[in-house]
N, C-alpha and C. Protein backbone atom coordinates (compact mmCIF):
# COMPACT_ATOMS: atom_id res chain seq x y z
N UNK A 1 118.03 117.02 149.94
CA UNK A 1 116.88 116.13 149.91
C UNK A 1 115.55 116.85 149.51
N UNK A 2 115.33 117.78 150.63
CA UNK A 2 113.91 118.30 150.59
C UNK A 2 113.85 119.20 149.19
N UNK A 3 114.60 119.72 148.84
CA UNK A 3 114.54 120.73 147.35
C UNK A 3 114.11 119.40 146.28
N UNK A 4 114.75 118.47 146.42
CA UNK A 4 114.46 117.43 145.21
C UNK A 4 112.85 117.24 145.35
N UNK A 5 112.46 116.64 146.41
CA UNK A 5 110.91 116.41 147.00
C UNK A 5 110.01 117.63 146.67
N UNK A 6 110.42 118.74 146.60
CA UNK A 6 109.62 119.98 146.49
C UNK A 6 109.28 119.91 145.38
N UNK A 7 109.47 119.62 144.25
CA UNK A 7 108.76 119.80 142.79
C UNK A 7 107.75 119.32 142.71
N UNK A 8 107.78 117.81 143.01
CA UNK A 8 106.75 116.92 143.02
C UNK A 8 105.18 117.60 143.78
N UNK A 9 105.79 118.02 144.98
CA UNK A 9 104.77 118.55 145.94
C UNK A 9 104.15 119.66 145.65
N UNK A 10 104.84 120.84 144.78
CA UNK A 10 104.19 122.09 144.55
C UNK A 10 103.88 122.16 142.94
N UNK A 11 104.47 121.13 142.24
CA UNK A 11 103.95 121.42 140.73
C UNK A 11 103.12 119.86 140.16
N UNK A 12 101.67 120.33 140.01
CA UNK A 12 101.11 118.78 139.90
C UNK A 12 100.76 118.50 138.89
N UNK A 13 101.25 119.02 137.62
CA UNK A 13 101.25 118.26 136.22
C UNK A 13 101.98 117.12 136.16
N UNK A 14 102.87 116.57 137.07
CA UNK A 14 103.20 114.97 137.10
C UNK A 14 102.13 114.17 137.16
N UNK A 15 101.08 114.46 137.82
CA UNK A 15 99.69 113.58 137.79
C UNK A 15 99.14 113.16 136.65
N UNK A 16 99.27 114.51 135.93
CA UNK A 16 98.98 114.22 134.33
C UNK A 16 99.34 113.32 133.48
N UNK A 17 100.65 113.67 133.72
CA UNK A 17 101.80 112.66 133.07
C UNK A 17 101.72 111.12 133.39
N UNK A 18 101.31 110.85 134.76
CA UNK A 18 100.99 109.52 135.35
C UNK A 18 100.03 108.73 134.47
N UNK A 19 99.03 109.68 134.45
CA UNK A 19 97.74 108.92 133.79
C UNK A 19 97.87 108.42 132.53
N UNK A 20 98.90 108.86 131.44
CA UNK A 20 99.47 108.05 130.21
C UNK A 20 100.31 107.13 130.30
N UNK A 21 101.23 107.07 131.37
CA UNK A 21 101.83 106.12 131.97
C UNK A 21 103.27 106.12 131.88
N UNK A 22 103.62 107.97 131.94
CA UNK A 22 104.91 108.21 132.07
C UNK A 22 105.38 108.39 130.74
N UNK A 23 105.13 108.16 129.98
CA UNK A 23 105.69 108.27 128.39
C UNK A 23 104.88 109.53 127.53
N UNK A 24 105.51 110.67 127.23
CA UNK A 24 104.62 111.44 126.87
C UNK A 24 104.53 111.40 125.24
N UNK A 25 105.37 110.60 124.50
CA UNK A 25 105.32 110.26 122.88
C UNK A 25 104.26 109.62 122.87
N UNK A 26 103.72 108.72 124.05
CA UNK A 26 102.54 107.56 123.81
C UNK A 26 101.15 107.59 123.82
N UNK A 27 101.30 109.05 124.29
CA UNK A 27 99.67 109.82 124.77
C UNK A 27 98.95 110.21 123.64
N UNK A 28 97.67 110.17 123.80
CA UNK A 28 96.73 110.62 123.16
C UNK A 28 96.82 112.09 122.87
N UNK A 29 96.37 112.51 121.50
CA UNK A 29 96.25 113.88 121.14
C UNK A 29 95.81 114.86 122.45
N UNK A 30 94.91 114.26 123.23
CA UNK A 30 93.92 115.09 124.15
C UNK A 30 94.79 115.28 125.36
N UNK A 31 95.81 114.58 125.60
CA UNK A 31 96.76 114.85 126.78
C UNK A 31 97.53 116.21 126.17
N UNK A 32 97.95 116.37 125.14
CA UNK A 32 98.51 117.29 124.39
C UNK A 32 97.63 118.41 124.60
N UNK A 33 96.48 118.54 124.43
CA UNK A 33 95.49 119.73 124.25
C UNK A 33 95.45 119.89 125.54
N UNK A 34 95.07 119.11 127.00
CA UNK A 34 95.06 119.32 128.02
C UNK A 34 96.32 120.01 128.61
N UNK A 35 97.42 119.51 128.12
CA UNK A 35 98.67 120.12 128.64
C UNK A 35 99.31 121.63 128.05
N UNK A 36 98.43 121.74 126.84
CA UNK A 36 98.58 123.09 126.33
C UNK A 36 97.52 124.34 126.82
N UNK A 37 96.41 123.74 127.45
CA UNK A 37 95.11 124.34 128.19
C UNK A 37 95.91 124.94 129.46
N UNK A 38 96.26 123.92 130.41
CA UNK A 38 96.32 123.82 131.71
C UNK A 38 97.88 123.82 132.26
N UNK A 39 98.77 123.70 131.33
CA UNK A 39 100.04 123.38 131.89
C UNK A 39 100.41 124.31 132.97
N UNK A 40 100.25 125.81 132.85
CA UNK A 40 100.95 126.89 134.05
C UNK A 40 99.76 127.31 134.56
N UNK A 41 98.58 126.46 134.79
CA UNK A 41 97.76 126.90 135.72
C UNK A 41 98.03 127.04 136.87
N UNK A 42 98.57 126.47 137.87
CA UNK A 42 99.17 126.70 139.37
C UNK A 42 100.38 126.76 139.45
N UNK A 43 101.28 127.10 138.54
CA UNK A 43 102.55 127.81 138.68
C UNK A 43 102.81 129.25 138.99
N UNK A 44 102.47 129.61 140.15
CA UNK A 44 102.70 130.83 141.13
C UNK A 44 103.42 130.92 142.28
N UNK A 45 104.18 131.88 142.55
CA UNK A 45 104.60 131.91 143.76
C UNK A 45 103.86 131.66 144.95
N UNK A 46 102.62 132.07 144.75
CA UNK A 46 101.60 131.95 145.96
C UNK A 46 101.20 130.53 146.12
N UNK A 47 100.97 129.86 145.41
CA UNK A 47 100.50 128.37 145.15
C UNK A 47 101.74 127.37 145.92
N UNK A 48 102.94 127.84 145.43
CA UNK A 48 104.20 127.00 145.79
C UNK A 48 104.26 127.58 147.36
N UNK A 49 104.30 128.80 147.44
CA UNK A 49 104.37 128.75 149.24
C UNK A 49 103.31 128.30 149.97
N UNK A 50 102.05 128.13 149.69
CA UNK A 50 101.09 127.53 150.30
C UNK A 50 101.31 125.90 150.36
N UNK A 51 102.03 125.37 149.59
CA UNK A 51 102.41 123.55 149.66
C UNK A 51 103.71 123.63 149.98
N UNK A 52 104.72 124.58 150.17
CA UNK A 52 106.14 124.83 150.73
C UNK A 52 105.32 124.59 152.38
N UNK A 53 104.62 125.73 152.48
CA UNK A 53 104.32 125.82 154.12
C UNK A 53 103.37 124.73 154.80
N UNK A 54 102.75 124.04 153.78
CA UNK A 54 101.82 122.74 154.49
C UNK A 54 103.00 121.71 154.56
N UNK A 55 103.97 121.81 153.46
CA UNK A 55 105.15 120.63 153.62
C UNK A 55 105.97 120.95 154.60
N UNK A 56 106.28 121.97 155.42
CA UNK A 56 106.96 122.42 156.46
C UNK A 56 106.29 121.99 157.70
N UNK A 57 105.22 122.03 157.63
CA UNK A 57 103.94 122.21 158.79
C UNK A 57 103.71 120.42 158.87
N UNK A 58 103.74 119.67 157.78
CA UNK A 58 103.38 118.39 157.87
C UNK A 58 104.77 117.39 157.74
N UNK A 59 105.99 117.72 157.32
CA UNK A 59 107.12 116.91 157.29
C UNK A 59 108.29 117.55 158.32
N UNK A 60 108.27 118.89 157.97
CA UNK A 60 109.59 119.53 158.89
C UNK A 60 109.29 119.69 160.51
N UNK A 61 108.00 120.02 160.80
CA UNK A 61 107.74 119.91 162.00
C UNK A 61 107.74 118.69 162.81
N UNK A 62 106.88 117.59 162.72
CA UNK A 62 107.09 116.31 163.23
C UNK A 62 108.53 115.76 163.12
N UNK A 63 109.19 116.03 162.39
CA UNK A 63 110.72 115.40 162.44
C UNK A 63 111.66 116.32 163.39
N UNK A 64 111.52 117.69 163.63
CA UNK A 64 112.07 118.50 164.47
C UNK A 64 111.78 118.11 165.84
N UNK A 65 110.37 118.35 165.87
CA UNK A 65 109.48 118.03 167.53
C UNK A 65 109.92 116.64 167.63
N UNK A 66 110.25 115.68 166.92
CA UNK A 66 110.25 114.39 167.83
C UNK A 66 111.67 114.33 168.17
N UNK A 67 112.75 114.80 167.30
CA UNK A 67 113.92 115.10 167.61
C UNK A 67 114.26 115.83 169.23
N UNK A 68 113.67 117.07 169.18
CA UNK A 68 113.69 117.69 170.40
C UNK A 68 112.94 116.82 171.71
N UNK A 69 112.00 116.32 171.48
CA UNK A 69 111.25 115.42 172.76
C UNK A 69 112.65 114.15 173.03
N UNK A 70 113.11 113.79 171.91
CA UNK A 70 114.39 112.94 172.33
C UNK A 70 114.95 113.44 173.04
N UNK A 71 115.82 114.46 172.61
CA UNK A 71 116.90 115.32 173.39
C UNK A 71 116.27 116.12 174.25
N UNK A 72 115.17 116.20 174.65
CA UNK A 72 114.88 116.61 175.82
C UNK A 72 115.18 118.32 175.64
N UNK A 73 115.06 118.65 174.41
CA UNK A 73 115.16 120.36 174.72
C UNK A 73 113.88 121.20 174.89
N UNK A 74 113.64 122.23 174.99
CA UNK A 74 112.77 123.02 175.60
C UNK A 74 111.70 123.30 174.39
N UNK A 75 110.48 123.60 174.51
CA UNK A 75 109.60 123.94 173.64
C UNK A 75 109.82 125.05 172.82
N UNK A 76 110.49 126.22 173.37
CA UNK A 76 110.89 127.48 172.72
C UNK A 76 112.18 126.88 171.67
N UNK A 77 112.94 125.96 171.96
CA UNK A 77 114.13 125.42 171.09
C UNK A 77 113.12 124.78 169.57
N UNK A 78 112.24 124.14 170.04
CA UNK A 78 111.32 123.20 168.86
C UNK A 78 110.79 124.13 168.27
N UNK A 79 110.29 125.13 168.92
CA UNK A 79 109.44 126.13 168.15
C UNK A 79 110.17 127.00 167.00
N UNK A 80 111.43 127.61 167.80
CA UNK A 80 112.31 127.95 166.79
C UNK A 80 113.08 127.22 165.80
N UNK A 81 113.27 126.25 165.93
CA UNK A 81 113.87 125.12 164.92
C UNK A 81 112.84 124.98 163.81
N UNK A 82 111.64 124.82 164.50
CA UNK A 82 110.40 124.02 163.29
C UNK A 82 110.24 125.25 162.41
N UNK A 83 109.79 126.62 163.04
CA UNK A 83 109.79 127.80 162.54
C UNK A 83 110.57 128.15 161.14
N UNK A 84 111.93 128.09 161.59
CA UNK A 84 113.10 128.15 160.69
C UNK A 84 112.83 127.24 159.47
N UNK A 85 112.18 125.86 159.55
CA UNK A 85 112.36 124.75 158.66
C UNK A 85 110.78 125.20 158.27
N UNK A 86 109.79 125.82 158.63
CA UNK A 86 108.72 125.70 157.89
C UNK A 86 108.93 127.31 156.91
N UNK A 87 109.56 128.02 157.23
CA UNK A 87 109.99 129.53 156.53
C UNK A 87 110.91 128.81 155.31
N UNK A 88 111.76 128.13 155.59
CA UNK A 88 112.79 127.56 154.45
C UNK A 88 111.95 126.51 153.33
N UNK A 89 110.96 125.81 153.93
CA UNK A 89 110.23 125.18 153.17
C UNK A 89 109.11 125.91 152.21
N UNK A 90 108.58 126.98 152.73
CA UNK A 90 107.82 127.97 152.31
C UNK A 90 108.42 128.59 151.20
N UNK A 91 109.44 129.23 151.37
CA UNK A 91 110.44 129.99 150.40
C UNK A 91 110.73 129.32 149.30
N UNK A 92 111.21 127.60 149.54
CA UNK A 92 111.60 126.67 148.40
C UNK A 92 110.45 126.39 147.64
N UNK A 93 109.12 126.17 148.32
CA UNK A 93 108.20 125.69 147.31
C UNK A 93 107.61 126.90 146.49
N UNK A 94 107.80 128.28 146.91
CA UNK A 94 107.27 129.46 146.08
C UNK A 94 108.28 129.68 144.83
N UNK A 95 109.35 129.87 145.25
CA UNK A 95 110.75 129.55 144.48
C UNK A 95 110.47 128.47 143.21
N UNK A 96 110.63 127.31 143.45
CA UNK A 96 110.39 125.91 142.62
C UNK A 96 109.02 126.33 142.09
N UNK A 97 108.12 126.64 142.33
CA UNK A 97 106.62 126.47 141.70
C UNK A 97 106.45 127.59 140.94
N UNK A 98 107.17 128.86 141.51
CA UNK A 98 107.13 130.12 140.44
C UNK A 98 107.81 130.54 139.38
N UNK A 99 109.05 129.35 139.71
CA UNK A 99 110.12 129.67 138.39
C UNK A 99 109.76 128.96 137.07
N UNK A 100 109.35 129.84 136.06
CA UNK A 100 108.96 129.12 134.90
C UNK A 100 109.87 128.93 133.81
């Protein structure tokens, strides 16, 4: 499920498609010109890694930390488990965004 949500988090061109109502065939020619100019503007591994890291920090860390508090696990356990998910989501974001 995290891999499915990573694509809209790391690739921002979906916002431009939302401005035309979601149907690319009904868009004005200016939309086509915009996408031709800026389609791959932020499609890099570094950009995806940044957004993947932020997603891991703001999605993965709170979930793991809440579970660790509920289960009364140690801080060390929470740090290792959260760190794992932050690294995984960073790599996921980098691969998804950088893969053209």
